[in-house]
Amino acid sequence: MLHIPIPKKIIKSIVIITILSFLMITCKKKKEPAKAESIFVGQDYEGGKVAYIFEPGDDGFIAGKAHGLIAATADQSTTVEWGCYSTSIVN
């Protein structure tokens, strides 16, 4: 088998190009946050439904930005116990 030495400078260049190519392929531009006027209760959003939009006076309200609660459209788990552990809660 013939062994041809590869200069360290070339190996370093190949590694840098590979890393940069990987980063360019995998990095996505972040989605712009929604503006307050474009969101409404009941709208499909980010995998759920908008359940509540914060209003002035609510903790978490920021003027000009949409913040609130998004509800899941399906049960997230049927094995999680909610409420007080080992305590029966009757509806």
N, C-alpha and C. Protein backbone atom coordinates (compact mmCIF):
# COMPACT_ATOMS: atom_id res chain seq x y z
N MET A 1 0.84 -1.17 0.00
CA MET A 1 0.00 0.00 0.00
C MET A 1 0.89 1.23 0.00
N LEU A 2 0.55 2.17 -0.84
CA LEU A 2 1.33 3.39 -0.97
C LEU A 2 0.81 4.44 0.02
N HIS A 3 1.70 5.02 0.77
CA HIS A 3 1.33 6.03 1.75
C HIS A 3 1.81 7.39 1.27
N ILE A 4 0.85 8.28 0.99
CA ILE A 4 1.20 9.63 0.55
C ILE A 4 0.83 10.59 1.68
N PRO A 5 1.80 11.28 2.23
CA PRO A 5 1.49 12.20 3.33
C PRO A 5 0.69 13.41 2.83
N ILE A 6 -0.31 13.79 3.62
CA ILE A 6 -1.12 14.96 3.28
C ILE A 6 -0.71 16.08 4.23
N PRO A 7 -0.33 17.22 3.67
CA PRO A 7 0.10 18.33 4.51
C PRO A 7 -1.00 18.76 5.49
N LYS A 8 -0.60 19.15 6.70
CA LYS A 8 -1.54 19.57 7.74
C LYS A 8 -2.39 20.75 7.29
N LYS A 9 -1.83 21.62 6.49
CA LYS A 9 -2.57 22.80 6.01
C LYS A 9 -3.79 22.38 5.18
N ILE A 10 -3.62 21.35 4.36
CA ILE A 10 -4.73 20.87 3.52
C ILE A 10 -5.79 20.19 4.40
N ILE A 11 -5.36 19.40 5.37
CA ILE A 11 -6.30 18.73 6.28
C ILE A 11 -7.10 19.78 7.06
N LYS A 12 -6.43 20.80 7.55
CA LYS A 12 -7.09 21.86 8.29
C LYS A 12 -8.13 22.56 7.41
N SER A 13 -7.78 22.84 6.16
CA SER A 13 -8.71 23.49 5.23
C SER A 13 -9.93 22.62 4.97
N ILE A 14 -9.72 21.33 4.81
CA ILE A 14 -10.83 20.40 4.55
C ILE A 14 -11.77 20.36 5.76
N VAL A 15 -11.21 20.32 6.96
CA VAL A 15 -12.02 20.28 8.17
C VAL A 15 -12.85 21.56 8.30
N ILE A 16 -12.22 22.71 8.07
CA ILE A 16 -12.94 23.99 8.18
C ILE A 16 -14.05 24.08 7.14
N ILE A 17 -13.79 23.68 5.92
CA ILE A 17 -14.81 23.71 4.86
C ILE A 17 -15.97 22.78 5.21
N THR A 18 -15.66 21.61 5.73
CA THR A 18 -16.68 20.64 6.12
C THR A 18 -17.57 21.21 7.22
N ILE A 19 -16.97 21.80 8.24
CA ILE A 19 -17.74 22.37 9.35
C ILE A 19 -18.62 23.52 8.86
N LEU A 20 -18.07 24.42 8.06
CA LEU A 20 -18.84 25.54 7.55
C LEU A 20 -20.00 25.06 6.66
N SER A 21 -19.74 24.06 5.83
CA SER A 21 -20.80 23.51 4.98
C SER A 21 -21.91 22.92 5.82
N PHE A 22 -21.56 22.19 6.87
CA PHE A 22 -22.54 21.59 7.77
C PHE A 22 -23.39 22.68 8.42
N LEU A 23 -22.74 23.74 8.92
CA LEU A 23 -23.47 24.82 9.58
C LEU A 23 -24.41 25.54 8.62
N MET A 24 -23.97 25.75 7.39
CA MET A 24 -24.81 26.43 6.42
C MET A 24 -26.03 25.60 6.04
N ILE A 25 -25.88 24.30 6.02
CA ILE A 25 -26.97 23.42 5.64
C ILE A 25 -27.98 23.27 6.78
N THR A 26 -27.48 23.15 8.02
CA THR A 26 -28.37 22.85 9.14
C THR A 26 -28.96 24.06 9.83
N CYS A 27 -28.38 25.22 9.69
CA CYS A 27 -28.90 26.42 10.36
C CYS A 27 -30.07 26.98 9.56
N LYS A 28 -31.17 27.22 10.26
CA LYS A 28 -32.33 27.81 9.63
C LYS A 28 -32.56 29.19 10.23
N LYS A 29 -33.11 30.05 9.44
CA LYS A 29 -33.46 31.37 9.93
C LYS A 29 -34.60 31.21 10.92
N LYS A 30 -34.48 31.88 12.07
CA LYS A 30 -35.54 31.81 13.07
C LYS A 30 -36.80 32.46 12.55
N LYS A 31 -37.90 31.84 12.87
CA LYS A 31 -39.19 32.38 12.48
C LYS A 31 -39.45 33.65 13.28
N GLU A 32 -39.90 34.67 12.58
CA GLU A 32 -40.22 35.93 13.26
C GLU A 32 -41.39 35.72 14.20
N PRO A 33 -41.33 36.29 15.41
CA PRO A 33 -42.47 36.16 16.31
C PRO A 33 -43.71 36.82 15.73
N ALA A 34 -44.84 36.28 16.08
CA ALA A 34 -46.09 36.80 15.56
C ALA A 34 -46.38 38.18 16.13
N LYS A 35 -47.00 39.02 15.32
CA LYS A 35 -47.43 40.33 15.79
C LYS A 35 -48.79 40.17 16.45
N ALA A 36 -49.02 41.00 17.44
CA ALA A 36 -50.25 40.89 18.24
C ALA A 36 -51.51 40.93 17.38
N GLU A 37 -51.53 41.76 16.36
CA GLU A 37 -52.76 41.90 15.57
C GLU A 37 -53.01 40.73 14.63
N SER A 38 -52.03 39.84 14.43
CA SER A 38 -52.22 38.73 13.50
C SER A 38 -52.61 37.42 14.19
N ILE A 39 -52.73 37.44 15.51
CA ILE A 39 -53.06 36.23 16.27
C ILE A 39 -54.45 36.38 16.86
N PHE A 40 -55.23 35.29 16.85
CA PHE A 40 -56.55 35.34 17.47
C PHE A 40 -56.84 34.03 18.18
N VAL A 41 -57.69 34.08 19.20
CA VAL A 41 -58.06 32.89 19.98
C VAL A 41 -58.74 31.89 19.05
N GLY A 42 -58.31 30.64 19.16
CA GLY A 42 -58.86 29.57 18.32
C GLY A 42 -58.03 29.27 17.09
N GLN A 43 -57.05 30.14 16.82
CA GLN A 43 -56.18 29.96 15.65
C GLN A 43 -55.20 28.80 15.88
N ASP A 44 -54.95 28.00 14.83
CA ASP A 44 -53.89 27.00 14.88
C ASP A 44 -52.56 27.74 14.93
N TYR A 45 -51.70 27.38 15.87
CA TYR A 45 -50.42 28.07 16.00
C TYR A 45 -49.40 27.19 16.70
N GLU A 46 -48.25 27.03 16.08
CA GLU A 46 -47.12 26.30 16.67
C GLU A 46 -47.50 24.92 17.21
N GLY A 47 -48.37 24.22 16.52
CA GLY A 47 -48.74 22.86 16.91
C GLY A 47 -49.89 22.76 17.88
N GLY A 48 -50.51 23.87 18.21
CA GLY A 48 -51.65 23.86 19.12
C GLY A 48 -52.67 24.89 18.69
N LYS A 49 -53.54 25.26 19.62
CA LYS A 49 -54.57 26.28 19.36
C LYS A 49 -54.34 27.42 20.34
N VAL A 50 -54.44 28.65 19.84
CA VAL A 50 -54.32 29.82 20.72
C VAL A 50 -55.51 29.79 21.67
N ALA A 51 -55.23 29.72 22.97
CA ALA A 51 -56.28 29.64 23.97
C ALA A 51 -56.52 30.97 24.67
N TYR A 52 -55.48 31.78 24.80
CA TYR A 52 -55.62 33.07 25.49
C TYR A 52 -54.51 33.99 25.02
N ILE A 53 -54.83 35.24 24.83
CA ILE A 53 -53.83 36.25 24.46
C ILE A 53 -53.75 37.25 25.61
N PHE A 54 -52.56 37.46 26.14
CA PHE A 54 -52.40 38.39 27.25
C PHE A 54 -52.88 39.78 26.87
N GLU A 55 -53.50 40.42 27.85
CA GLU A 55 -54.03 41.76 27.69
C GLU A 55 -53.35 42.70 28.67
N PRO A 56 -53.46 44.02 28.45
CA PRO A 56 -52.86 44.95 29.41
C PRO A 56 -53.34 44.63 30.84
N GLY A 57 -52.41 44.58 31.76
CA GLY A 57 -52.72 44.23 33.15
C GLY A 57 -52.37 42.79 33.48
N ASP A 58 -52.26 41.92 32.46
CA ASP A 58 -51.86 40.53 32.68
C ASP A 58 -50.36 40.44 32.90
N ASP A 59 -49.94 39.56 33.81
CA ASP A 59 -48.51 39.27 33.92
C ASP A 59 -48.05 38.68 32.60
N GLY A 60 -46.96 39.18 32.07
CA GLY A 60 -46.45 38.69 30.80
C GLY A 60 -46.86 39.52 29.60
N PHE A 61 -47.77 40.48 29.81
CA PHE A 61 -48.20 41.33 28.69
C PHE A 61 -47.06 42.25 28.28
N ILE A 62 -46.79 42.32 26.96
CA ILE A 62 -45.81 43.25 26.39
C ILE A 62 -46.51 43.92 25.22
N ALA A 63 -46.65 45.24 25.30
CA ALA A 63 -47.35 45.98 24.25
C ALA A 63 -46.71 45.73 22.89
N GLY A 64 -47.55 45.47 21.89
CA GLY A 64 -47.09 45.27 20.52
C GLY A 64 -46.59 43.87 20.22
N LYS A 65 -46.60 42.98 21.22
CA LYS A 65 -46.14 41.60 20.99
C LYS A 65 -47.24 40.63 21.41
N ALA A 66 -47.30 39.52 20.70
CA ALA A 66 -48.30 38.50 21.00
C ALA A 66 -47.71 37.49 21.99
N HIS A 67 -48.27 37.46 23.17
CA HIS A 67 -47.92 36.46 24.17
C HIS A 67 -49.22 35.92 24.73
N GLY A 68 -49.19 34.67 25.13
CA GLY A 68 -50.40 34.09 25.69
C GLY A 68 -50.22 32.61 25.92
N LEU A 69 -51.32 31.88 25.81
CA LEU A 69 -51.31 30.44 26.06
C LEU A 69 -51.73 29.70 24.80
N ILE A 70 -51.03 28.61 24.53
CA ILE A 70 -51.38 27.73 23.41
C ILE A 70 -51.76 26.39 24.00
N ALA A 71 -52.94 25.90 23.67
CA ALA A 71 -53.42 24.62 24.18
C ALA A 71 -53.10 23.51 23.19
N ALA A 72 -52.78 22.34 23.72
CA ALA A 72 -52.54 21.18 22.87
C ALA A 72 -53.86 20.74 22.24
N THR A 73 -53.77 20.17 21.05
CA THR A 73 -54.97 19.70 20.36
C THR A 73 -55.27 18.24 20.66
N ALA A 74 -54.36 17.57 21.38
CA ALA A 74 -54.56 16.17 21.75
C ALA A 74 -53.93 15.94 23.11
N ASP A 75 -54.35 14.89 23.79
CA ASP A 75 -53.76 14.54 25.07
C ASP A 75 -52.26 14.33 24.91
N GLN A 76 -51.49 14.89 25.81
CA GLN A 76 -50.04 14.74 25.75
C GLN A 76 -49.58 13.45 26.39
N SER A 77 -50.35 12.95 27.32
CA SER A 77 -50.00 11.70 27.98
C SER A 77 -51.21 11.14 28.68
N THR A 78 -51.32 9.84 28.68
CA THR A 78 -52.40 9.21 29.43
C THR A 78 -51.86 8.53 30.68
N THR A 79 -50.55 8.63 30.90
CA THR A 79 -49.93 7.96 32.04
C THR A 79 -49.50 8.92 33.14
N VAL A 80 -49.63 10.22 32.92
CA VAL A 80 -49.22 11.19 33.92
C VAL A 80 -50.37 11.40 34.90
N GLU A 81 -50.05 11.38 36.19
CA GLU A 81 -51.07 11.63 37.19
C GLU A 81 -51.11 13.12 37.48
N TRP A 82 -52.28 13.71 37.35
CA TRP A 82 -52.45 15.13 37.60
C TRP A 82 -53.14 15.33 38.93
N GLY A 83 -52.82 16.39 39.59
CA GLY A 83 -53.47 16.69 40.86
C GLY A 83 -52.59 16.25 42.02
N CYS A 84 -53.22 15.86 43.08
CA CYS A 84 -52.49 15.46 44.29
C CYS A 84 -52.20 13.97 44.21
N TYR A 85 -50.92 13.60 44.32
CA TYR A 85 -50.49 12.21 44.22
C TYR A 85 -51.23 11.35 45.24
N SER A 86 -51.78 10.25 44.80
CA SER A 86 -52.51 9.27 45.63
C SER A 86 -53.76 9.84 46.26
N THR A 87 -54.29 10.93 45.76
CA THR A 87 -55.52 11.52 46.30
C THR A 87 -56.55 11.52 45.19
N SER A 88 -57.69 10.95 45.47
CA SER A 88 -58.75 10.93 44.49
C SER A 88 -59.41 12.29 44.38
N ILE A 89 -59.52 12.81 43.16
CA ILE A 89 -60.16 14.12 42.94
C ILE A 89 -61.39 13.86 42.09
N VAL A 90 -62.54 14.18 42.62
CA VAL A 90 -63.81 13.93 41.94
C VAL A 90 -64.25 15.21 41.25
N ASN A 91 -64.69 15.06 40.01
CA ASN A 91 -65.18 16.24 39.27
C ASN A 91 -66.53 16.64 39.75
